Amino acid sequence: MKILLVEDEMKLALAIKKGLEMEGYTVDIINDGQKALTRISLHRADYDLVILDLMLPSLDGREITRQSREMGITLPILILTARAETETKVETLLAGADDYLVKPFSFAELAARIRAILRRPVEALPEILSVGDLELNAAERWVKHNGEDVPLTLKEFGLLEYFMRRPNQVVNREDLLSHLWDFNYIGFSNVVDVHVKNLRRKLDTGHGDVVLETVRGIGYRMVA
């Protein structure tokens, strides 16, 4: 899952990013309201959730939420606010936010709120994804192949979930890089290929019916 974190207190933003990455999420940080709205409007498909501070430079979180909803953007939005009064909470929800969290908060509560929001996708999805003899539980973070546990790294798990949500569809490398690595990523150009190769190796039991095939010049496709 990829999250856009909009927070101008960089110490807090970096702490949240570090914690969420340890939970297996990919996180981009923006510290300006207007830039955040532009990013959301142009790259809505890249993210699964926006965490949005209420008080931001140039454009506040409530206005970003309102304009996003007017543009038809259904991306889940979790608001962070230092204001605990009921009126602020009501106005935030009426603007289109899915939830809010009052500062200061514990990281455990933030993580729980995120999981709760992400269990409510626009289209109902099964808790356990199945493709052929492969099963994946995104909430409990386990993978079984022919009934046997498959130990995966966080990135390998993210790749597999992405493929299993799109069985028999061609997925290009750019989409994978955009969805599973943050926009500040600087690394070797074949990082996706290396992780896919490692994933293939772990899934190859010699008697499975799931194939992760390469589509030359484009990307990959999971075929069952």
Protein backbone atom coordinates (compact mmCIF):
# COMPACT_ATOMS: atom_id res chain seq x y z
CA MET A 1 0.00 0.00 0.00
CA LYS A 2 1.25 3.50 -0.85
CA ILE A 3 0.46 6.54 1.29
CA LEU A 4 0.78 10.28 0.63
CA LEU A 5 1.63 12.06 3.88
CA VAL A 6 0.98 15.82 3.86
CA GLU A 7 2.56 17.35 6.98
CA ASP A 8 4.66 20.51 7.38
CA GLU A 9 6.23 19.51 10.71
CA MET A 10 9.10 17.58 9.17
CA LYS A 11 10.27 15.93 12.38
CA LEU A 12 6.80 14.44 12.85
CA ALA A 13 6.48 13.61 9.15
CA LEU A 14 9.77 11.71 9.10
CA ALA A 15 8.86 9.82 12.29
CA ILE A 16 5.51 8.78 10.80
CA LYS A 17 7.15 7.79 7.51
CA LYS A 18 9.73 5.63 9.31
CA GLY A 19 7.06 3.90 11.38
CA LEU A 20 4.79 3.24 8.41
CA GLU A 21 7.65 1.89 6.30
CA MET A 22 8.40 -0.58 9.10
CA GLU A 23 4.75 -1.66 8.77
CA GLY A 24 5.29 -2.34 5.06
CA TYR A 25 3.83 0.83 3.54
CA THR A 26 5.50 3.09 0.98
CA VAL A 27 5.26 6.77 1.96
CA ASP A 28 5.72 10.05 0.06
CA ILE A 29 5.93 13.31 2.03
CA ILE A 30 4.71 16.75 0.90
CA ASN A 31 4.83 19.76 3.25
CA ASP A 32 2.72 22.29 1.32
CA GLY A 33 -1.07 22.30 0.84
CA GLN A 34 -1.24 23.54 -2.74
CA LYS A 35 1.47 21.14 -3.88
CA ALA A 36 -0.39 18.33 -2.14
CA LEU A 37 -3.65 19.12 -3.96
CA THR A 38 -1.80 19.16 -7.29
CA ARG A 39 -0.18 15.82 -6.50
CA ILE A 40 -3.49 14.27 -5.47
CA SER A 41 -5.28 15.52 -8.58
CA LEU A 42 -2.59 14.32 -11.01
CA HIS A 43 -1.46 11.11 -9.31
CA ARG A 44 -4.54 9.85 -7.47
CA ALA A 45 -4.10 6.35 -8.90
CA ASP A 46 -0.65 6.03 -7.33
CA TYR A 47 -1.93 6.13 -3.75
CA ASP A 48 -4.17 4.07 -1.48
CA LEU A 49 -4.52 6.69 1.27
CA VAL A 50 -3.77 10.35 2.04
CA ILE A 51 -2.78 11.39 5.57
CA LEU A 52 -3.44 15.11 5.69
CA ASP A 53 -2.55 17.65 8.37
CA LEU A 54 -5.32 20.20 8.94
CA MET A 55 -3.06 23.28 9.21
CA LEU A 56 -0.76 23.61 6.20
CA PRO A 57 1.00 26.40 4.28
CA SER A 58 -0.88 27.79 1.23
CA LEU A 59 -3.97 25.55 1.55
CA ASP A 60 -5.40 23.87 4.64
CA GLY A 61 -6.32 20.21 4.90
CA ARG A 62 -10.08 20.78 4.96
CA GLU A 63 -9.96 22.77 1.71
CA ILE A 64 -7.74 20.14 0.07
CA THR A 65 -10.30 17.50 1.08
CA ARG A 66 -13.25 19.55 -0.17
CA GLN A 67 -11.65 20.30 -3.56
CA SER A 68 -10.52 16.70 -3.97
CA ARG A 69 -14.08 15.44 -3.44
CA GLU A 70 -15.44 18.05 -5.88
CA MET A 71 -13.03 16.66 -8.49
CA GLY A 72 -14.52 13.21 -7.93
CA ILE A 73 -11.44 11.85 -6.16
CA THR A 74 -12.49 8.99 -3.87
CA LEU A 75 -9.05 8.36 -2.39
CA PRO A 76 -9.42 7.77 1.39
CA ILE A 77 -8.31 10.78 3.50
CA LEU A 78 -7.26 10.68 7.15
CA ILE A 79 -6.98 14.13 8.75
CA LEU A 80 -4.47 14.96 11.49
CA THR A 81 -5.47 17.90 13.68
CA ALA A 82 -4.42 19.56 16.92
CA ARG A 83 -8.00 20.85 17.38
CA ALA A 84 -10.16 18.53 19.43
CA GLU A 85 -13.42 20.49 19.52
CA THR A 86 -16.51 18.78 18.12
CA GLU A 87 -17.19 21.52 15.55
CA THR A 88 -13.79 20.99 13.90
CA LYS A 89 -14.33 17.23 13.76
CA VAL A 90 -17.79 17.61 12.22
CA GLU A 91 -16.61 20.13 9.62
CA THR A 92 -13.70 17.85 8.71
CA LEU A 93 -15.97 14.86 8.12
CA LEU A 94 -18.54 16.93 6.22
CA ALA A 95 -15.76 18.17 3.91
CA GLY A 96 -15.25 14.57 2.84
CA ALA A 97 -12.61 13.14 5.18
CA ASP A 98 -12.90 9.45 6.02
CA ASP A 99 -11.50 9.81 9.52
CA TYR A 100 -9.53 12.17 11.76
CA LEU A 101 -6.94 11.79 14.50
CA VAL A 102 -6.26 14.40 17.18
CA LYS A 103 -2.66 15.32 17.99
CA PRO A 104 -0.79 14.19 19.98
CA PHE A 105 -1.50 10.56 19.09
CA SER A 106 0.26 7.24 19.49
CA PHE A 107 1.69 5.55 16.41
CA ALA A 108 -0.24 2.40 17.35
CA GLU A 109 -3.52 4.32 17.05
CA LEU A 110 -2.49 5.84 13.72
CA ALA A 111 -1.60 2.41 12.35
CA ALA A 112 -4.94 1.02 13.56
CA ARG A 113 -6.90 3.88 11.95
CA ILE A 114 -5.05 3.31 8.65
CA ARG A 115 -5.82 -0.41 8.68
CA ALA A 116 -9.48 0.31 9.43
CA ILE A 117 -9.75 2.77 6.52
CA LEU A 118 -7.99 0.45 4.10
CA ARG A 119 -10.43 -2.33 4.98
CA ARG A 120 -13.13 -0.16 3.42
CA PRO A 121 -12.13 -0.01 -0.27
CA VAL A 122 -14.43 1.51 -2.90
CA GLU A 123 -14.92 -1.98 -4.30
CA ALA A 124 -15.29 -4.83 -1.83
CA LEU A 125 -12.26 -7.11 -1.97
CA PRO A 126 -11.88 -10.50 -0.29
CA GLU A 127 -9.76 -10.69 2.85
CA ILE A 128 -7.80 -13.56 1.34
CA LEU A 129 -6.65 -13.26 -2.26
CA SER A 130 -6.37 -16.50 -4.22
CA VAL A 131 -4.74 -17.12 -7.57
CA GLY A 132 -4.36 -20.75 -8.49
CA ASP A 133 -2.70 -22.57 -5.58
CA LEU A 134 -1.46 -19.29 -4.08
CA GLU A 135 -3.16 -17.54 -1.15
CA LEU A 136 -2.36 -14.15 0.40
CA ASN A 137 -3.84 -12.47 3.46
CA ALA A 138 -3.05 -8.73 3.28
CA ALA A 139 -4.28 -7.98 6.82
CA GLU A 140 -2.37 -10.75 8.58
CA ARG A 141 0.51 -10.62 6.09
CA TRP A 142 0.92 -14.27 5.25
CA VAL A 143 1.33 -16.12 1.97
CA LYS A 144 0.73 -19.81 1.37
CA HIS A 145 1.66 -21.78 -1.75
CA ASN A 146 0.13 -25.24 -1.98
CA GLY A 147 -0.74 -24.81 1.71
CA GLU A 148 2.85 -24.11 2.75
CA ASP A 149 4.02 -20.80 4.24
CA VAL A 150 6.16 -18.62 1.95
CA PRO A 151 8.49 -16.19 3.78
CA LEU A 152 8.70 -12.89 1.87
CA THR A 153 10.35 -9.53 2.42
CA LEU A 154 8.09 -6.46 2.67
CA LYS A 155 8.80 -5.47 -0.95
CA GLU A 156 8.24 -9.01 -2.22
CA PHE A 157 4.94 -9.16 -0.33
CA GLY A 158 3.92 -5.80 -1.84
CA LEU A 159 4.78 -7.00 -5.34
CA LEU A 160 2.88 -10.24 -4.91
CA GLU A 161 -0.22 -8.46 -3.57
CA TYR A 162 -0.11 -6.03 -6.51
CA PHE A 163 0.03 -8.92 -9.00
CA MET A 164 -2.66 -10.96 -7.22
CA ARG A 165 -5.09 -8.03 -7.32
CA ARG A 166 -4.59 -7.97 -11.10
CA PRO A 167 -4.51 -11.62 -12.23
CA ASN A 168 -3.92 -12.15 -15.96
CA GLN A 169 -3.33 -8.41 -16.46
CA VAL A 170 -0.08 -6.99 -17.82
CA VAL A 171 1.57 -4.79 -15.18
CA ASN A 172 4.30 -2.47 -16.42
CA ARG A 173 7.51 -1.77 -14.51
CA GLU A 174 6.72 1.93 -14.15
CA ASP A 175 3.47 1.17 -12.28
CA LEU A 176 5.30 -1.17 -9.92
CA LEU A 177 8.06 1.35 -9.28
CA SER A 178 5.54 4.14 -8.74
CA HIS A 179 3.35 2.12 -6.37
CA LEU A 180 5.96 0.33 -4.28
CA TRP A 181 8.79 2.85 -4.04
CA ASP A 182 8.47 6.48 -2.88
CA PHE A 183 9.08 9.37 -5.29
CA ASN A 184 12.47 10.16 -3.73
CA TYR A 185 13.79 6.71 -4.59
CA ILE A 186 17.23 6.79 -6.17
CA GLY A 187 18.66 3.41 -7.01
CA PHE A 188 19.56 0.99 -9.73
CA SER A 189 17.20 0.94 -12.69
CA ASN A 190 16.47 -2.79 -12.60
CA VAL A 191 15.33 -2.85 -8.95
CA VAL A 192 11.88 -4.14 -9.98
CA ASP A 193 13.36 -6.96 -12.06
CA VAL A 194 15.60 -8.04 -9.18
CA HIS A 195 12.69 -8.21 -6.71
CA VAL A 196 10.49 -10.06 -9.21
CA LYS A 197 13.29 -12.56 -9.79
CA ASN A 198 13.58 -13.19 -6.05
CA LEU A 199 9.80 -13.52 -5.75
CA ARG A 200 9.72 -16.04 -8.60
CA ARG A 201 12.43 -18.10 -6.91
CA LYS A 202 10.46 -18.28 -3.64
CA LEU A 203 7.23 -19.22 -5.41
CA ASP A 204 8.78 -21.86 -7.66
CA THR A 205 8.07 -25.13 -5.90
CA GLY A 206 8.19 -27.12 -9.13
CA HIS A 207 4.54 -28.18 -8.99
CA GLY A 208 2.55 -24.95 -8.81
CA ASP A 209 0.00 -23.70 -11.29
CA VAL A 210 0.82 -19.99 -10.98
CA VAL A 211 3.22 -18.43 -13.44
CA LEU A 212 4.71 -14.95 -13.15
CA GLU A 213 5.64 -14.35 -16.76
CA THR A 214 7.70 -11.59 -18.35
CA VAL A 215 6.00 -9.55 -21.06
CA ARG A 216 8.94 -8.40 -23.12
CA GLY A 217 9.41 -4.64 -23.25
CA ILE A 218 6.48 -3.97 -20.91
CA GLY A 219 6.53 -5.75 -17.57
CA TYR A 220 4.94 -8.82 -16.03
CA ARG A 221 1.72 -10.81 -15.82
CA MET A 222 0.53 -13.32 -13.22
CA VAL A 223 -1.14 -16.21 -15.03
CA ALA A 224 -3.08 -18.95 -13.28
